[in-house]
Each structure stands twice: as structure tokens, then as C-alpha cells.
Amino acid sequence: MVVLWHFNQHYLQTLTMSQRAILQFFILAVLFAGAYFGLSRINWISVFKIKETTRSTEQKLGEVYWDLFKNTEQEIIKPSIKNKLDSLVNFVCKQNKIERTKIKLHLLQKDEINAFTLPDNYLVVNSGLITSSESEAELLGVLCHELAHIEKNHVMKKLVKEAGLSLLISITTGNAGGQVITETAKVLSSTAYDRELEREADMTSVDFLLKAGIDPEPFANFLYRLSESEKNLPKQAFWISTHPDSKERAESIIAYIKGKKIQKKTILSATSWAKLKADLE
């Protein structure tokens, strides 16, 4: 091999500039032909059909799962409450160029400290999350975390990994029973994403907060405060039980924002924030 390498080096040195150019062109032509042959072997119609099927499945799954929650839980639609939550999500979306019209925001009257996402950009928030948040910035941290799951397409990745695309398609075509729908819905509302997706959602949520001029430290404080009682976690604290390693995640957030320029904007007035919590208690 060493002798051959020296031969090649000597051979290249003997070539003229034009000969080297021709050789380089020949090599590129061979590489291009190989790449073209490889790509031509791919059934692109099948690829696009799979993407189209997945998108259609996602839309139908969103409808099926939201219907399940809507029919079993009490949704809060009172404008004086819903508008305040809307204004928080609207602001974050605007500052981060997230298409707000695609986010289907819903608020449930439920004491569990939880927020979760469903396929097709559903963001579901429990009233218990709002009443347990000590500040607007804490709540925004959780909302941004869930928006990150949406923006990074974590919802379908999780469902496909844990349930399989075939089962999900059967749900949308009416070939799966109600028990299957209920159990797969629990995958989204009551079980954790894997560690890699959670870390990505954490760091993305911090970026969202920073771009919106919101201090991420309260979000870290929220995680740390709840982590203190993780071993004896109250039954209502679903969000923290489905997002484990809270203390470690809080420390990672603090380390990530160290040295960054932090603003401390608020969206709601102190009076509006207090009124929002009071109306839900």
C-alpha cells in the first residue's frame, strides 16, 4: 500500500495542469454518474406517498385524540380566561416566527399539573399548570417546551416509535377499538419522551424564551422546585412525572443561559396574571 501511494504521488506530479484538470473532471463525472444511478434507484413516488400518508394520518389522529379529551374532560372556553392564555402563546409565536394559526390551543379544567401536545399541532393545557405556576415566566417555560415538541415534530416521532405507523393508520380508518385509542392517547399525555427529545425540547424552549425577551431562569426554577418532591410526587403533578430528571434539566438550562444577555419582559400585567390564576382556582 505504501509503495502504491508513493507511485500515485509520483504519477500525479508528472502530469501537466491540463492533464490534472482532465483527470479531476473524469473523477467528478464518475462520482456524479454513481450518485445519479443511486438516486434513480429510489422510488420517489413511494417516498412522497409515505410522507403524504403520514401527514394525512397526523391530521386524523389529532382529530381523534382531541375528540377523546373533549368528550371526557371539561374545556374552558370563557373568553376572559382563554384570551389571556392566547396572548401568551401569540407573543412567543410572533417573536419566534412560529405560525400561530396552526397551533390548536385548548384549556382543560383539570387540577393535574400538565400540558401536552397531540398530533397536528394541538397544544393542551390543564388549569392546574397555570395555578401552580408562581410566575408568568414559569408558565411560559412549559408552554415553550411543548411548542418545541410541536416544532421539532416530536409528537409523531414518539407515536410511531411506541405504537407503530400501521396501528396509527388503523386508528384513523376506524379499524381500531376505543381501548386502543385511549391507550395510545396516554402515550402522549402521561408518558415521557426519550431523553434526547426532552433535551432538544428544553434547549429549544430556552431559545424561544430568549428570542421573546423572557427570562428562562424561572422555568429552571419551576423544574427544580418540582424536582424537590419528585420522590413523593403528588398525583396531580403529571407534567413533571412525564418529564423526569428535572433537577439535572434545570441545571442544564442555567448552564446554557450563563453569560447570555437576559431580558425580563412580561406579557400580561401583574393584575391580569393574578386575575387569570384567581379565575382558575
Protein backbone atom coordinates (compact mmCIF):
# COMPACT_ATOMS: atom_id res chain seq x y z
CA MET A 1 0.00 0.00 0.00
CA VAL A 2 2.85 2.40 0.84
CA VAL A 3 4.57 1.68 -2.48
CA LEU A 4 1.31 2.23 -4.37
CA TRP A 5 0.72 5.53 -2.58
CA HIS A 6 4.20 6.75 -3.48
CA PHE A 7 3.60 5.65 -7.09
CA ASN A 8 0.35 7.63 -7.24
CA GLN A 9 2.03 10.68 -5.78
CA HIS A 10 4.86 10.45 -8.30
CA TYR A 11 2.37 9.88 -11.13
CA LEU A 12 0.32 12.98 -10.21
CA GLN A 13 3.47 15.10 -10.07
CA THR A 14 4.33 14.12 -13.67
CA LEU A 15 1.00 15.32 -15.03
CA THR A 16 0.63 18.70 -16.65
CA MET A 17 -2.00 21.17 -15.42
CA SER A 18 -4.34 20.29 -18.29
CA GLN A 19 -3.91 16.57 -17.67
CA ARG A 20 -4.74 17.04 -13.97
CA ALA A 21 -7.83 19.05 -14.90
CA ILE A 22 -8.97 16.27 -17.26
CA LEU A 23 -8.35 13.66 -14.55
CA GLN A 24 -10.31 15.68 -11.97
CA PHE A 25 -13.17 16.10 -14.45
CA PHE A 26 -13.18 12.36 -15.11
CA ILE A 27 -13.31 11.56 -11.39
CA LEU A 28 -16.16 14.03 -10.84
CA ALA A 29 -18.04 12.56 -13.81
CA VAL A 30 -17.72 9.06 -12.35
CA LEU A 31 -18.90 10.27 -8.92
CA PHE A 32 -21.85 12.12 -10.47
CA ALA A 33 -22.84 9.07 -12.51
CA GLY A 34 -22.69 6.90 -9.41
CA ALA A 35 -24.81 9.35 -7.42
CA TYR A 36 -27.33 9.62 -10.27
CA PHE A 37 -27.57 5.84 -10.52
CA GLY A 38 -28.14 5.55 -6.77
CA LEU A 39 -30.83 8.22 -6.70
CA SER A 40 -32.53 6.77 -9.76
CA ARG A 41 -32.97 3.50 -7.88
CA ILE A 42 -35.12 5.22 -5.25
CA ASN A 43 -38.85 5.02 -5.77
CA TRP A 44 -39.56 8.69 -5.18
CA ILE A 45 -43.29 8.24 -5.75
CA SER A 46 -43.36 5.80 -2.83
CA VAL A 47 -41.34 8.20 -0.68
CA PHE A 48 -43.73 11.08 -1.32
CA LYS A 49 -46.72 8.80 -0.81
CA ILE A 50 -45.34 7.78 2.59
CA LYS A 51 -44.92 11.45 3.57
CA GLU A 52 -48.41 12.24 2.31
CA THR A 53 -49.84 9.27 4.21
CA THR A 54 -48.03 10.27 7.39
CA ARG A 55 -49.32 13.85 7.14
CA SER A 56 -52.88 12.69 6.50
CA THR A 57 -52.59 10.23 9.39
CA GLU A 58 -51.30 13.00 11.68
CA GLN A 59 -54.27 15.25 10.88
CA LYS A 60 -56.81 12.50 11.51
CA LEU A 61 -55.05 11.37 14.69
CA GLY A 62 -55.20 14.92 16.03
CA GLU A 63 -58.95 14.99 15.50
CA VAL A 64 -59.48 11.53 17.05
CA TYR A 65 -57.37 12.23 20.13
CA TRP A 66 -58.79 15.70 20.72
CA ASP A 67 -62.32 14.34 20.43
CA LEU A 68 -61.41 11.83 23.12
CA PHE A 69 -60.20 14.52 25.53
CA LYS A 70 -63.00 16.92 24.64
CA ASN A 71 -65.63 14.31 25.38
CA THR A 72 -64.11 13.16 28.67
CA GLU A 73 -62.83 16.44 30.13
CA GLN A 74 -64.26 19.90 30.71
CA GLU A 75 -62.86 22.51 28.34
CA ILE A 76 -62.59 26.11 29.45
CA ILE A 77 -63.81 28.47 26.73
CA LYS A 78 -64.55 31.57 28.83
CA PRO A 79 -63.06 34.48 26.80
CA SER A 80 -61.70 36.37 29.84
CA ILE A 81 -59.57 33.32 30.68
CA LYS A 82 -58.81 31.92 27.24
CA ASN A 83 -57.78 35.30 25.81
CA LYS A 84 -55.05 35.69 28.42
CA LEU A 85 -53.59 32.29 27.62
CA ASP A 86 -53.88 33.08 23.91
CA SER A 87 -51.94 36.31 24.37
CA LEU A 88 -49.02 34.41 25.94
CA VAL A 89 -48.83 31.88 23.10
CA ASN A 90 -49.37 34.58 20.47
CA PHE A 91 -46.46 36.64 21.74
CA VAL A 92 -44.00 33.73 21.84
CA CYS A 93 -45.05 32.55 18.38
CA LYS A 94 -44.70 36.03 16.89
CA GLN A 95 -41.24 36.59 18.36
CA ASN A 96 -40.02 33.20 17.12
CA LYS A 97 -41.76 33.26 13.72
CA ILE A 98 -43.86 30.22 14.60
CA GLU A 99 -47.04 30.02 12.54
CA ARG A 100 -49.62 30.77 15.22
CA THR A 101 -52.65 29.80 13.13
CA LYS A 102 -51.51 26.17 13.03
CA ILE A 103 -51.43 25.87 16.85
CA LYS A 104 -54.70 24.48 18.18
CA LEU A 105 -54.69 25.71 21.77
CA HIS A 106 -57.11 24.23 24.30
CA LEU A 107 -57.50 24.71 28.06
CA LEU A 108 -58.94 21.98 30.28
CA GLN A 109 -60.44 22.38 33.75
CA LYS A 110 -58.20 19.88 35.48
CA ASP A 111 -56.08 20.05 38.65
CA GLU A 112 -53.27 17.92 37.24
CA ILE A 113 -50.13 19.98 36.64
CA ASN A 114 -49.81 19.13 32.99
CA ALA A 115 -49.59 20.35 29.41
CA PHE A 116 -49.13 18.11 26.40
CA THR A 117 -49.23 18.07 22.63
CA LEU A 118 -51.25 15.95 20.22
CA PRO A 119 -50.68 15.24 16.53
CA ASP A 120 -51.48 18.05 14.09
CA ASN A 121 -50.24 20.83 16.40
CA TYR A 122 -52.70 20.50 19.29
CA LEU A 123 -51.44 22.14 22.49
CA VAL A 124 -53.49 21.16 25.53
CA VAL A 125 -53.02 22.93 28.86
CA ASN A 126 -54.53 21.93 32.21
CA SER A 127 -55.73 24.68 34.54
CA GLY A 128 -53.63 23.06 37.28
CA LEU A 129 -50.45 24.02 35.47
CA ILE A 130 -51.43 27.69 35.49
CA THR A 131 -52.50 27.77 39.15
CA SER A 132 -49.27 26.01 40.20
CA SER A 133 -47.02 28.42 38.29
CA GLU A 134 -45.57 31.08 40.55
CA SER A 135 -44.99 33.50 37.70
CA GLU A 136 -45.91 34.12 34.09
CA ALA A 137 -42.34 33.21 33.06
CA GLU A 138 -42.65 29.75 34.67
CA LEU A 139 -45.80 29.04 32.70
CA LEU A 140 -44.20 30.37 29.51
CA GLY A 141 -41.28 28.00 30.01
CA VAL A 142 -43.60 24.99 29.98
CA LEU A 143 -45.60 26.36 27.03
CA CYS A 144 -42.39 26.93 25.06
CA HIS A 145 -41.25 23.40 25.89
CA GLU A 146 -44.46 21.99 24.41
CA LEU A 147 -44.21 24.31 21.39
CA ALA A 148 -40.71 22.92 20.87
CA HIS A 149 -42.15 19.40 20.74
CA ILE A 150 -44.52 20.62 18.02
CA GLU A 151 -41.88 22.48 16.02
CA LYS A 152 -39.46 19.55 16.16
CA ASN A 153 -42.16 17.02 15.18
CA HIS A 154 -41.52 15.04 18.36
CA VAL A 155 -45.18 14.06 18.71
CA MET A 156 -45.36 11.80 15.65
CA LYS A 157 -41.82 10.51 16.22
CA LYS A 158 -42.89 9.33 19.66
CA LEU A 159 -46.16 7.78 18.47
CA VAL A 160 -44.61 5.96 15.52
CA LYS A 161 -41.80 4.65 17.73
CA GLU A 162 -44.08 3.41 20.52
CA ALA A 163 -47.22 2.39 18.62
CA GLY A 164 -46.10 1.86 15.02
CA LEU A 165 -47.40 3.56 11.88
CA SER A 166 -49.66 0.62 10.94
CA LEU A 167 -51.56 0.83 14.23
CA LEU A 168 -51.87 4.62 13.93
CA ILE A 169 -53.30 4.30 10.41
CA SER A 170 -55.79 1.72 11.68
CA ILE A 171 -56.98 4.25 14.27
CA THR A 172 -57.66 6.84 11.58
CA THR A 173 -59.54 4.36 9.39
CA GLY A 174 -61.81 3.21 12.20
CA ASN A 175 -60.29 -0.26 12.40
CA ALA A 176 -59.01 0.15 15.96
CA GLY A 177 -61.16 -0.15 19.06
CA GLY A 178 -61.78 2.54 21.64
CA GLN A 179 -59.37 0.91 24.08
CA VAL A 180 -56.53 1.21 21.56
CA ILE A 181 -57.31 4.92 21.05
CA THR A 182 -57.37 5.52 24.81
CA GLU A 183 -54.10 3.69 25.43
CA THR A 184 -52.22 5.43 22.61
CA ALA A 185 -53.58 8.80 23.80
CA LYS A 186 -51.99 8.08 27.18
CA VAL A 187 -48.65 7.74 25.40
CA LEU A 188 -48.88 11.48 24.66
CA SER A 189 -50.45 12.82 27.85
CA SER A 190 -48.97 10.55 30.51
CA THR A 191 -45.63 9.12 29.38
CA ALA A 192 -42.24 10.70 28.85
CA TYR A 193 -40.40 11.43 25.61
CA ASP A 194 -36.97 9.87 25.41
CA ARG A 195 -34.06 11.75 26.93
CA GLU A 196 -32.69 13.06 23.61
CA LEU A 197 -36.03 14.58 22.56
CA GLU A 198 -36.57 16.10 26.01
CA ARG A 199 -33.16 17.75 25.97
CA GLU A 200 -33.81 19.12 22.48
CA ALA A 201 -37.19 20.48 23.62
CA ASP A 202 -35.59 22.06 26.71
CA MET A 203 -32.86 23.87 24.79
CA THR A 204 -35.26 24.91 22.02
CA SER A 205 -37.71 26.27 24.60
CA VAL A 206 -34.93 28.33 26.17
CA ASP A 207 -34.07 29.75 22.74
CA PHE A 208 -37.76 30.61 22.25
CA LEU A 209 -37.82 32.39 25.61
CA LEU A 210 -34.63 34.33 24.91
CA LYS A 211 -35.86 35.49 21.50
CA ALA A 212 -39.10 36.62 23.12
CA GLY A 213 -37.20 38.56 25.79
CA ILE A 214 -38.41 36.25 28.57
CA ASP A 215 -36.06 35.19 31.38
CA PRO A 216 -35.59 31.37 31.21
CA GLU A 217 -34.42 31.10 34.82
CA PRO A 218 -37.97 30.87 36.27
CA PHE A 219 -38.54 27.84 34.04
CA ALA A 220 -35.43 26.24 35.55
CA ASN A 221 -36.74 27.18 38.99
CA PHE A 222 -40.07 25.53 38.15
CA LEU A 223 -38.28 22.29 37.23
CA TYR A 224 -36.05 22.47 40.30
CA ARG A 225 -38.92 23.22 42.69
CA LEU A 226 -40.95 20.27 41.47
CA SER A 227 -37.90 18.01 41.43
CA GLU A 228 -37.58 18.51 45.18
CA SER A 229 -40.73 16.46 45.62
CA GLU A 230 -40.20 14.01 42.73
CA LYS A 231 -39.80 11.01 45.02
CA ASN A 232 -43.05 11.82 46.79
CA LEU A 233 -44.66 13.35 43.74
CA PRO A 234 -48.28 14.34 44.18
CA LYS A 235 -50.62 12.51 41.85
CA GLN A 236 -51.61 15.83 40.24
CA ALA A 237 -48.09 16.65 39.03
CA PHE A 238 -48.33 14.80 35.73
CA TRP A 239 -46.08 17.14 33.74
CA ILE A 240 -43.08 16.65 35.97
CA SER A 241 -43.64 12.86 36.20
CA THR A 242 -43.66 12.65 32.39
CA HIS A 243 -40.57 14.86 32.16
CA PRO A 244 -38.10 13.15 34.55
CA ASP A 245 -34.60 14.19 35.67
CA SER A 246 -35.96 17.66 36.44
CA LYS A 247 -33.08 18.76 38.65
CA GLU A 248 -30.50 17.80 36.02
CA ARG A 249 -32.52 19.58 33.34
CA ALA A 250 -32.81 22.70 35.48
CA GLU A 251 -29.04 22.77 35.93
CA SER A 252 -28.52 22.34 32.19
CA ILE A 253 -30.79 25.32 31.49
CA ILE A 254 -28.91 27.52 33.96
CA ALA A 255 -25.59 26.49 32.41
CA TYR A 256 -26.93 27.15 28.90
CA ILE A 257 -28.04 30.72 29.66
CA LYS A 258 -24.90 31.63 31.60
CA GLY A 259 -23.28 34.65 30.01
CA LYS A 260 -26.21 35.33 27.69
CA LYS A 261 -28.00 38.65 27.65
CA ILE A 262 -31.21 38.11 29.59
CA GLN A 263 -34.28 40.30 29.33
CA LYS A 264 -37.18 40.11 31.76
CA LYS A 265 -40.21 41.11 29.75
CA THR A 266 -43.73 40.36 30.91
CA ILE A 267 -46.70 39.96 28.61
CA LEU A 268 -49.59 40.21 31.00
CA SER A 269 -49.83 42.94 33.60
CA ALA A 270 -49.45 41.85 37.22
CA THR A 271 -53.18 42.40 37.66
CA SER A 272 -54.08 40.29 34.61
CA TRP A 273 -51.80 37.46 35.70
CA ALA A 274 -53.28 37.43 39.20
CA LYS A 275 -56.80 37.51 37.72
CA LEU A 276 -56.01 34.57 35.43
CA LYS A 277 -54.88 32.44 38.35
CA ALA A 278 -57.77 33.53 40.56
CA ASP A 279 -60.35 32.68 37.90
CA LEU A 280 -58.97 29.15 37.66
CA GLU A 281 -58.68 28.42 41.38
